[in-house]
Amino acid sequence: MIQRRTLLKSGAAVALGAPGLSGLAQQAVTLKFHTFMAPQSNVWLTMHKAWMEKVEKDSGGKIKFEGYPAMQLGGTPVQLYDQAKDGVVDIVWTLPGNTAGRFPRIEVFELPFVMNNAEATCAA
């Protein structure tokens, strides 16, 4: 059971923090997107850039992107997951096959002859 004093303290903390939250919601956020794909590749040009532009447009400019193709921020494709985990970048696009042993549930689909139906494999 919540003590009255705890409830009052929590309510006061929320009331004091609420004005700061409204200002935060109006600030633009810039996200770093890092991938190993080359800047002239179809994936970068038709998928990644198009997606970033759509998000920027749909957010009314409140979400912006800094795109870094071709490992421009350093490291190797194997290290992309760690860069996102460690906060070096916000979003990465990589392949689970680049990180052997890290995602064992996905690795089964890389075995030969396991996948014969792309739709069912995606659902799995």
Foldseek 3Di string as FASTA:
>chain_A
DDDPVNVVVVVVVCVVCVVVVVVVVPAAAEFEEEEQADCPDCCVVVPVVVVQVVVCVVVVNSYHYDYHYNCNVDDDLLCQVVCCVVVVGPHYDHDVVSPPPPDVVLVVVVDPPPDDDVVVNVVD
